[in-house]
Amino acid sequence: MHPYDDSQLTASIRIRVFDPNKMSEESTWHRDAQDRTVVILESAGWRIQHEDEMPITLRPGDVLQIESYTWHRILPGTGNLVAVIKEI
């Protein structure tokens, strides 16, 4: 079971909604198979952490480039995290 729900818009674009109640305190480190552009639509205290880096706070309007096969994790805030994800 994933800590998020997806709504597929096109073959390469989806809206992902993370629910803080479905997240574990120590979110799972993971790598994605494709490069991604992520646009944050809603966030209240959510953070992203890349391997060997400190977490950074996500804010509405932020645009992130996540390269394929790089380790990262999402750390929960309050309320939902809503993002548009485009796989490149």
PDB file of N, CA and C in Angstrom:
ATOM      1  N   MET A   1       0.839  -1.179   0.000  1.00  0.00           N
ATOM      2  CA  MET A   1       0.000   0.000   0.000  1.00  0.00           C
ATOM      3  C   MET A   1       0.885   1.244   0.000  1.00  0.00           C
ATOM      4  N   HIS A   2       0.621   2.135  -0.917  1.00  0.00           N
ATOM      5  CA  HIS A   2       1.398   3.366  -1.036  1.00  0.00           C
ATOM      6  C   HIS A   2       0.836   4.448  -0.112  1.00  0.00           C
ATOM      7  N   PRO A   3       1.698   5.371   0.310  1.00  0.00           N
ATOM      8  CA  PRO A   3       1.221   6.482   1.146  1.00  0.00           C
ATOM      9  C   PRO A   3       0.655   7.631   0.311  1.00  0.00           C
ATOM     10  N   TYR A   4       0.274   7.342  -0.926  1.00  0.00           N
ATOM     11  CA  TYR A   4      -0.234   8.374  -1.820  1.00  0.00           C
ATOM     12  C   TYR A   4      -1.284   7.801  -2.751  1.00  0.00           C
ATOM     13  N   ASP A   5      -2.022   8.713  -3.392  1.00  0.00           N
ATOM     14  CA  ASP A   5      -2.972   8.361  -4.446  1.00  0.00           C
ATOM     15  C   ASP A   5      -2.571   9.123  -5.696  1.00  0.00           C
ATOM     16  N   ASP A   6      -2.674   8.450  -6.841  1.00  0.00           N
ATOM     17  CA  ASP A   6      -2.335   9.067  -8.119  1.00  0.00           C
ATOM     18  C   ASP A   6      -3.579   9.260  -8.969  1.00  0.00           C
ATOM     19  N   SER A   7      -3.590  10.362  -9.714  1.00  0.00           N
ATOM     20  CA  SER A   7      -4.563  10.593 -10.782  1.00  0.00           C
ATOM     21  C   SER A   7      -3.758  10.795 -12.046  1.00  0.00           C
ATOM     22  N   GLN A   8      -3.853   9.853 -12.971  1.00  0.00           N
ATOM     23  CA  GLN A   8      -3.077   9.910 -14.216  1.00  0.00           C
ATOM     24  C   GLN A   8      -3.734  10.902 -15.165  1.00  0.00           C
ATOM     25  N   LEU A   9      -2.976  11.920 -15.602  1.00  0.00           N
ATOM     26  CA  LEU A   9      -3.497  12.913 -16.538  1.00  0.00           C
ATOM     27  C   LEU A   9      -3.162  12.544 -17.970  1.00  0.00           C
ATOM     28  N   THR A  10      -1.903  12.130 -18.194  1.00  0.00           N
ATOM     29  CA  THR A  10      -1.450  11.638 -19.497  1.00  0.00           C
ATOM     30  C   THR A  10      -0.518  10.465 -19.212  1.00  0.00           C
ATOM     31  N   ALA A  11       0.056   9.890 -20.257  1.00  0.00           N
ATOM     32  CA  ALA A  11       0.965   8.758 -20.060  1.00  0.00           C
ATOM     33  C   ALA A  11       2.162   9.124 -19.187  1.00  0.00           C
ATOM     34  N   SER A  12       2.571  10.389 -19.197  1.00  0.00           N
ATOM     35  CA  SER A  12       3.773  10.775 -18.453  1.00  0.00           C
ATOM     36  C   SER A  12       3.526  11.782 -17.330  1.00  0.00           C
ATOM     37  N   ILE A  13       2.271  12.208 -17.147  1.00  0.00           N
ATOM     38  CA  ILE A  13       1.976  13.230 -16.131  1.00  0.00           C
ATOM     39  C   ILE A  13       0.873  12.722 -15.196  1.00  0.00           C
ATOM     40  N   ARG A  14       1.094  12.916 -13.895  1.00  0.00           N
ATOM     41  CA  ARG A  14       0.088  12.528 -12.907  1.00  0.00           C
ATOM     42  C   ARG A  14       0.080  13.524 -11.756  1.00  0.00           C
ATOM     43  N   ILE A  15      -1.030  13.571 -11.069  1.00  0.00           N
ATOM     44  CA  ILE A  15      -1.119  14.328  -9.824  1.00  0.00           C
ATOM     45  C   ILE A  15      -1.030  13.312  -8.694  1.00  0.00           C
ATOM     46  N   ARG A  16      -0.143  13.581  -7.771  1.00  0.00           N
ATOM     47  CA  ARG A  16       0.064  12.670  -6.637  1.00  0.00           C
ATOM     48  C   ARG A  16      -0.278  13.409  -5.355  1.00  0.00           C
ATOM     49  N   VAL A  17      -1.102  12.761  -4.525  1.00  0.00           N
ATOM     50  CA  VAL A  17      -1.519  13.326  -3.236  1.00  0.00           C
ATOM     51  C   VAL A  17      -1.007  12.406  -2.131  1.00  0.00           C
ATOM     52  N   PHE A  18      -0.099  12.949  -1.302  1.00  0.00           N
ATOM     53  CA  PHE A  18       0.425  12.219  -0.152  1.00  0.00           C
ATOM     54  C   PHE A  18      -0.404  12.573   1.071  1.00  0.00           C
ATOM     55  N   ASP A  19      -0.772  11.562   1.835  1.00  0.00           N
ATOM     56  CA  ASP A  19      -1.543  11.731   3.065  1.00  0.00           C
ATOM     57  C   ASP A  19      -0.602  11.518   4.250  1.00  0.00           C
ATOM     58  N   PRO A  20      -0.447  12.511   5.132  1.00  0.00           N
ATOM     59  CA  PRO A  20       0.495  12.341   6.244  1.00  0.00           C
ATOM     60  C   PRO A  20       0.114  11.187   7.168  1.00  0.00           C
ATOM     61  N   ASN A  21      -1.152  10.811   7.191  1.00  0.00           N
ATOM     62  CA  ASN A  21      -1.591   9.703   8.041  1.00  0.00           C
ATOM     63  C   ASN A  21      -1.173   8.345   7.500  1.00  0.00           C
ATOM     64  N   LYS A  22      -0.769   8.298   6.232  1.00  0.00           N
ATOM     65  CA  LYS A  22      -0.315   7.044   5.621  1.00  0.00           C
ATOM     66  C   LYS A  22       1.205   6.932   5.598  1.00  0.00           C
ATOM     67  N   MET A  23       1.887   7.997   6.040  1.00  0.00           N
ATOM     68  CA  MET A  23       3.349   8.022   5.998  1.00  0.00           C
ATOM     69  C   MET A  23       3.920   7.481   7.301  1.00  0.00           C
ATOM     70  N   SER A  24       5.024   6.759   7.185  1.00  0.00           N
ATOM     71  CA  SER A  24       5.733   6.331   8.387  1.00  0.00           C
ATOM     72  C   SER A  24       6.634   7.474   8.836  1.00  0.00           C
ATOM     73  N   GLU A  25       7.010   7.455  10.098  1.00  0.00           N
ATOM     74  CA  GLU A  25       7.856   8.525  10.621  1.00  0.00           C
ATOM     75  C   GLU A  25       9.197   8.569   9.884  1.00  0.00           C
ATOM     76  N   GLU A  26       9.735   7.411   9.605  1.00  0.00           N
ATOM     77  CA  GLU A  26      10.973   7.317   8.827  1.00  0.00           C
ATOM     78  C   GLU A  26      10.573   6.905   7.414  1.00  0.00           C
ATOM     79  N   SER A  27      10.281   7.870   6.585  1.00  0.00           N
ATOM     80  CA  SER A  27       9.828   7.570   5.229  1.00  0.00           C
ATOM     81  C   SER A  27      10.870   6.764   4.479  1.00  0.00           C
ATOM     82  N   THR A  28      10.400   5.960   3.579  1.00  0.00           N
ATOM     83  CA  THR A  28      11.258   5.029   2.860  1.00  0.00           C
ATOM     84  C   THR A  28      12.130   5.740   1.837  1.00  0.00           C
ATOM     85  N   TRP A  29      13.427   5.470   1.934  1.00  0.00           N
ATOM     86  CA  TRP A  29      14.349   5.931   0.899  1.00  0.00           C
ATOM     87  C   TRP A  29      14.044   5.137  -0.359  1.00  0.00           C
ATOM     88  N   HIS A  30      14.065   5.806  -1.502  1.00  0.00           N
ATOM     89  CA  HIS A  30      13.785   5.113  -2.758  1.00  0.00           C
ATOM     90  C   HIS A  30      14.467   5.818  -3.920  1.00  0.00           C
ATOM     91  N   ARG A  31      14.472   5.128  -5.051  1.00  0.00           N
ATOM     92  CA  ARG A  31      14.980   5.679  -6.308  1.00  0.00           C
ATOM     93  C   ARG A  31      13.919   5.442  -7.369  1.00  0.00           C
ATOM     94  N   ASP A  32      13.803   6.383  -8.294  1.00  0.00           N
ATOM     95  CA  ASP A  32      12.844   6.255  -9.387  1.00  0.00           C
ATOM     96  C   ASP A  32      13.593   5.885 -10.664  1.00  0.00           C
ATOM     97  N   ALA A  33      12.937   5.110 -11.519  1.00  0.00           N
ATOM     98  CA  ALA A  33      13.577   4.616 -12.735  1.00  0.00           C
ATOM     99  C   ALA A  33      13.719   5.684 -13.823  1.00  0.00           C
ATOM    100  N   GLN A  34      12.944   6.771 -13.715  1.00  0.00           N
ATOM    101  CA  GLN A  34      12.996   7.812 -14.737  1.00  0.00           C
ATOM    102  C   GLN A  34      13.249   9.171 -14.096  1.00  0.00           C
ATOM    103  N   ASP A  35      13.832  10.080 -14.893  1.00  0.00           N
ATOM    104  CA  ASP A  35      13.953  11.465 -14.444  1.00  0.00           C
ATOM    105  C   ASP A  35      12.546  12.017 -14.250  1.00  0.00           C
ATOM    106  N   ARG A  36      12.407  12.913 -13.274  1.00  0.00           N
ATOM    107  CA  ARG A  36      11.098  13.501 -12.994  1.00  0.00           C
ATOM    108  C   ARG A  36      11.218  14.995 -12.756  1.00  0.00           C
ATOM    109  N   THR A  37      10.219  15.710 -13.238  1.00  0.00           N
ATOM    110  CA  THR A  37      10.011  17.095 -12.861  1.00  0.00           C
ATOM    111  C   THR A  37       8.804  17.096 -11.946  1.00  0.00           C
ATOM    112  N   VAL A  38       8.941  17.707 -10.769  1.00  0.00           N
ATOM    113  CA  VAL A  38       7.872  17.714  -9.779  1.00  0.00           C
ATOM    114  C   VAL A  38       7.529  19.169  -9.465  1.00  0.00           C
ATOM    115  N   VAL A  39       6.246  19.511  -9.590  1.00  0.00           N
ATOM    116  CA  VAL A  39       5.758  20.842  -9.243  1.00  0.00           C
ATOM    117  C   VAL A  39       4.876  20.692  -8.008  1.00  0.00           C
ATOM    118  N   ILE A  40       5.218  21.417  -6.948  1.00  0.00           N
ATOM    119  CA  ILE A  40       4.469  21.341  -5.701  1.00  0.00           C
ATOM    120  C   ILE A  40       3.255  22.266  -5.778  1.00  0.00           C
ATOM    121  N   LEU A  41       2.062  21.698  -5.578  1.00  0.00           N
ATOM    122  CA  LEU A  41       0.833  22.479  -5.593  1.00  0.00           C
ATOM    123  C   LEU A  41       0.384  22.852  -4.181  1.00  0.00           C
ATOM    124  N   GLU A  42       0.495  21.901  -3.245  1.00  0.00           N
ATOM    125  CA  GLU A  42       0.121  22.147  -1.849  1.00  0.00           C
ATOM    126  C   GLU A  42       1.145  21.487  -0.943  1.00  0.00           C
ATOM    127  N   SER A  43       1.524  22.187   0.115  1.00  0.00           N
ATOM    128  CA  SER A  43       2.458  21.626   1.088  1.00  0.00           C
ATOM    129  C   SER A  43       2.420  22.477   2.350  1.00  0.00           C
ATOM    130  N   ALA A  44       2.425  21.806   3.498  1.00  0.00           N
ATOM    131  CA  ALA A  44       2.509  22.496   4.783  1.00  0.00           C
ATOM    132  C   ALA A  44       3.521  21.744   5.640  1.00  0.00           C
ATOM    133  N   GLY A  45       4.763  22.148   5.535  1.00  0.00           N
ATOM    134  CA  GLY A  45       5.808  21.544   6.339  1.00  0.00           C
ATOM    135  C   GLY A  45       6.402  20.266   5.784  1.00  0.00           C
ATOM    136  N   TRP A  46       5.983  19.847   4.611  1.00  0.00           N
ATOM    137  CA  TRP A  46       6.568  18.656   3.987  1.00  0.00           C
ATOM    138  C   TRP A  46       7.995  18.973   3.540  1.00  0.00           C
ATOM    139  N   ARG A  47       8.835  17.944   3.530  1.00  0.00           N
ATOM    140  CA  ARG A  47      10.234  18.123   3.129  1.00  0.00           C
ATOM    141  C   ARG A  47      10.670  16.979   2.225  1.00  0.00           C
ATOM    142  N   ILE A  48      11.705  17.246   1.442  1.00  0.00           N
ATOM    143  CA  ILE A  48      12.357  16.217   0.645  1.00  0.00           C
ATOM    144  C   ILE A  48      13.809  16.161   1.091  1.00  0.00           C
ATOM    145  N   GLN A  49      14.334  14.955   1.122  1.00  0.00           N
ATOM    146  CA  GLN A  49      15.734  14.774   1.483  1.00  0.00           C
ATOM    147  C   GLN A  49      16.399  13.898   0.449  1.00  0.00           C
ATOM    148  N   HIS A  50      17.514  14.386  -0.078  1.00  0.00           N
ATOM    149  CA  HIS A  50      18.336  13.609  -0.998  1.00  0.00           C
ATOM    150  C   HIS A  50      19.488  13.001  -0.216  1.00  0.00           C
ATOM    151  N   GLU A  51      20.010  11.921  -0.724  1.00  0.00           N
ATOM    152  CA  GLU A  51      21.109  11.219  -0.057  1.00  0.00           C
ATOM    153  C   GLU A  51      22.254  12.172   0.262  1.00  0.00           C
ATOM    154  N   ASP A  52      22.760  12.079   1.483  1.00  0.00           N
ATOM    155  CA  ASP A  52      23.889  12.877   1.961  1.00  0.00           C
ATOM    156  C   ASP A  52      23.601  14.379   1.997  1.00  0.00           C
ATOM    157  N   GLU A  53      22.321  14.756   2.065  1.00  0.00           N
ATOM    158  CA  GLU A  53      21.937  16.164   2.151  1.00  0.00           C
ATOM    159  C   GLU A  53      20.924  16.344   3.273  1.00  0.00           C
ATOM    160  N   MET A  54      20.804  17.563   3.748  1.00  0.00           N
ATOM    161  CA  MET A  54      19.798  17.894   4.746  1.00  0.00           C
ATOM    162  C   MET A  54      18.436  18.036   4.050  1.00  0.00           C
ATOM    163  N   PRO A  55      17.346  17.756   4.759  1.00  0.00           N
ATOM    164  CA  PRO A  55      16.013  17.936   4.161  1.00  0.00           C
ATOM    165  C   PRO A  55      15.748  19.402   3.831  1.00  0.00           C
ATOM    166  N   ILE A  56      14.983  19.618   2.763  1.00  0.00           N
ATOM    167  CA  ILE A  56      14.561  20.967   2.408  1.00  0.00           C
ATOM    168  C   ILE A  56      13.035  21.023   2.427  1.00  0.00           C
ATOM    169  N   THR A  57      12.498  22.139   2.864  1.00  0.00           N
ATOM    170  CA  THR A  57      11.055  22.326   2.954  1.00  0.00           C
ATOM    171  C   THR A  57      10.474  22.568   1.573  1.00  0.00           C
ATOM    172  N   LEU A  58       9.363  21.903   1.298  1.00  0.00           N
ATOM    173  CA  LEU A  58       8.660  22.057   0.025  1.00  0.00           C
ATOM    174  C   LEU A  58       7.568  23.110   0.181  1.00  0.00           C
ATOM    175  N   ARG A  59       7.509  24.009  -0.804  1.00  0.00           N
ATOM    176  CA  ARG A  59       6.514  25.085  -0.788  1.00  0.00           C
ATOM    177  C   ARG A  59       5.736  25.080  -2.106  1.00  0.00           C
ATOM    178  N   PRO A  60       4.466  25.490  -2.065  1.00  0.00           N
ATOM    179  CA  PRO A  60       3.706  25.586  -3.309  1.00  0.00           C
ATOM    180  C   PRO A  60       4.453  26.440  -4.334  1.00  0.00           C
ATOM    181  N   GLY A  61       4.517  25.945  -5.556  1.00  0.00           N
ATOM    182  CA  GLY A  61       5.231  26.635  -6.627  1.00  0.00           C
ATOM    183  C   GLY A  61       6.640  26.128  -6.843  1.00  0.00           C
ATOM    184  N   ASP A  62       7.193  25.388  -5.886  1.00  0.00           N
ATOM    185  CA  ASP A  62       8.536  24.822  -6.072  1.00  0.00           C
ATOM    186  C   ASP A  62       8.531  23.863  -7.250  1.00  0.00           C
ATOM    187  N   VAL A  63       9.609  23.887  -8.017  1.00  0.00           N
ATOM    188  CA  VAL A  63       9.804  22.955  -9.121  1.00  0.00           C
ATOM    189  C   VAL A  63      11.089  22.188  -8.839  1.00  0.00           C
ATOM    190  N   LEU A  64      10.974  20.868  -8.764  1.00  0.00           N
ATOM    191  CA  LEU A  64      12.113  20.014  -8.453  1.00  0.00           C
ATOM    192  C   LEU A  64      12.477  19.163  -9.659  1.00  0.00           C
ATOM    193  N   GLN A  65      13.745  18.968  -9.864  1.00  0.00           N
ATOM    194  CA  GLN A  65      14.237  18.039 -10.874  1.00  0.00           C
ATOM    195  C   GLN A  65      14.856  16.870 -10.111  1.00  0.00           C
ATOM    196  N   ILE A  66      14.305  15.690 -10.281  1.00  0.00           N
ATOM    197  CA  ILE A  66      14.823  14.509  -9.606  1.00  0.00           C
ATOM    198  C   ILE A  66      15.371  13.567 -10.672  1.00  0.00           C
ATOM    199  N   GLU A  67      16.674  13.367 -10.644  1.00  0.00           N
ATOM    200  CA  GLU A  67      17.315  12.496 -11.628  1.00  0.00           C
ATOM    201  C   GLU A  67      17.033  11.036 -11.307  1.00  0.00           C
ATOM    202  N   SER A  68      16.939  10.233 -12.349  1.00  0.00           N
ATOM    203  CA  SER A  68      16.676   8.809 -12.158  1.00  0.00           C
ATOM    204  C   SER A  68      17.761   8.169 -11.299  1.00  0.00           C
ATOM    205  N   TYR A  69      17.339   7.200 -10.528  1.00  0.00           N
ATOM    206  CA  TYR A  69      18.210   6.375  -9.681  1.00  0.00           C
ATOM    207  C   TYR A  69      18.983   7.149  -8.623  1.00  0.00           C
ATOM    208  N   THR A  70      18.486   8.338  -8.228  1.00  0.00           N
ATOM    209  CA  THR A  70      19.092   9.044  -7.098  1.00  0.00           C
ATOM    210  C   THR A  70      18.240   8.782  -5.860  1.00  0.00           C
ATOM    211  N   TRP A  71      18.889   8.488  -4.752  1.00  0.00           N
ATOM    212  CA  TRP A  71      18.188   8.188  -3.508  1.00  0.00           C
ATOM    213  C   TRP A  71      17.565   9.457  -2.929  1.00  0.00           C
ATOM    214  N   HIS A  72      16.302   9.350  -2.504  1.00  0.00           N
ATOM    215  CA  HIS A  72      15.609  10.452  -1.864  1.00  0.00           C
ATOM    216  C   HIS A  72      14.412   9.917  -1.082  1.00  0.00           C
ATOM    217  N   ARG A  73      13.867  10.766  -0.232  1.00  0.00           N
ATOM    218  CA  ARG A  73      12.665  10.405   0.509  1.00  0.00           C
ATOM    219  C   ARG A  73      11.867  11.663   0.806  1.00  0.00           C
ATOM    220  N   ILE A  74      10.568  11.467   1.082  1.00  0.00           N
ATOM    221  CA  ILE A  74       9.661  12.549   1.425  1.00  0.00           C
ATOM    222  C   ILE A  74       9.359  12.436   2.919  1.00  0.00           C
ATOM    223  N   LEU A  75       9.470  13.562   3.619  1.00  0.00           N
ATOM    224  CA  LEU A  75       9.190  13.601   5.052  1.00  0.00           C
ATOM    225  C   LEU A  75       7.895  14.368   5.276  1.00  0.00           C
ATOM    226  N   PRO A  76       6.960  13.775   6.021  1.00  0.00           N
ATOM    227  CA  PRO A  76       5.622  14.364   6.130  1.00  0.00           C
ATOM    228  C   PRO A  76       5.569  15.662   6.918  1.00  0.00           C
ATOM    229  N   GLY A  77       4.583  16.458   6.512  1.00  0.00           N
ATOM    230  CA  GLY A  77       4.235  17.678   7.225  1.00  0.00           C
ATOM    231  C   GLY A  77       2.822  17.510   7.747  1.00  0.00           C
ATOM    232  N   THR A  78       2.051  18.587   7.688  1.00  0.00           N
ATOM    233  CA  THR A  78       0.649  18.518   8.098  1.00  0.00           C
ATOM    234  C   THR A  78      -0.211  18.719   6.857  1.00  0.00           C
ATOM    235  N   GLY A  79      -1.360  18.141   6.848  1.00  0.00           N
ATOM    236  CA  GLY A  79      -2.206  18.220   5.664  1.00  0.00           C
ATOM    237  C   GLY A  79      -1.579  17.416   4.538  1.00  0.00           C
ATOM    238  N   ASN A  80      -2.223  17.434   3.387  1.00  0.00           N
ATOM    239  CA  ASN A  80      -1.736  16.675   2.241  1.00  0.00           C
ATOM    240  C   ASN A  80      -0.616  17.407   1.512  1.00  0.00           C
ATOM    241  N   LEU A  81       0.248  16.634   0.884  1.00  0.00           N
ATOM    242  CA  LEU A  81       1.212  17.144  -0.082  1.00  0.00           C
ATOM    243  C   LEU A  81       0.639  16.798  -1.450  1.00  0.00           C
ATOM    244  N   VAL A  82       0.476  17.809  -2.307  1.00  0.00           N
ATOM    245  CA  VAL A  82      -0.063  17.607  -3.641  1.00  0.00           C
ATOM    246  C   VAL A  82       0.971  18.076  -4.648  1.00  0.00           C
ATOM    247  N   ALA A  83       1.288  17.203  -5.606  1.00  0.00           N
ATOM    248  CA  ALA A  83       2.325  17.530  -6.597  1.00  0.00           C
ATOM    249  C   ALA A  83       1.934  16.998  -7.968  1.00  0.00           C
ATOM    250  N   VAL A  84       2.366  17.721  -8.994  1.00  0.00           N
ATOM    251  CA  VAL A  84       2.276  17.253 -10.360  1.00  0.00           C
ATOM    252  C   VAL A  84       3.613  16.610 -10.687  1.00  0.00           C
ATOM    253  N   ILE A  85       3.589  15.374 -11.155  1.00  0.00           N
ATOM    254  CA  ILE A  85       4.820  14.665 -11.483  1.00  0.00           C
ATOM    255  C   ILE A  85       4.827  14.384 -12.975  1.00  0.00           C
ATOM    256  N   LYS A  86       5.905  14.812 -13.628  1.00  0.00           N
ATOM    257  CA  LYS A  86       6.084  14.539 -15.048  1.00  0.00           C
ATOM    258  C   LYS A  86       7.337  13.689 -15.203  1.00  0.00           C
ATOM    259  N   GLU A  87       7.164  12.490 -15.732  1.00  0.00           N
ATOM    260  CA  GLU A  87       8.307  11.618 -16.007  1.00  0.00           C
ATOM    261  C   GLU A  87       8.882  11.997 -17.355  1.00  0.00           C
ATOM    262  N   ILE A  88      10.203  12.104 -17.390  1.00  0.00           N
ATOM    263  CA  ILE A  88      10.877  12.555 -18.606  1.00  0.00           C
ATOM    264  C   ILE A  88      11.540  11.370 -19.296  1.00  0.00           C
TER     265      ILE A  88
END
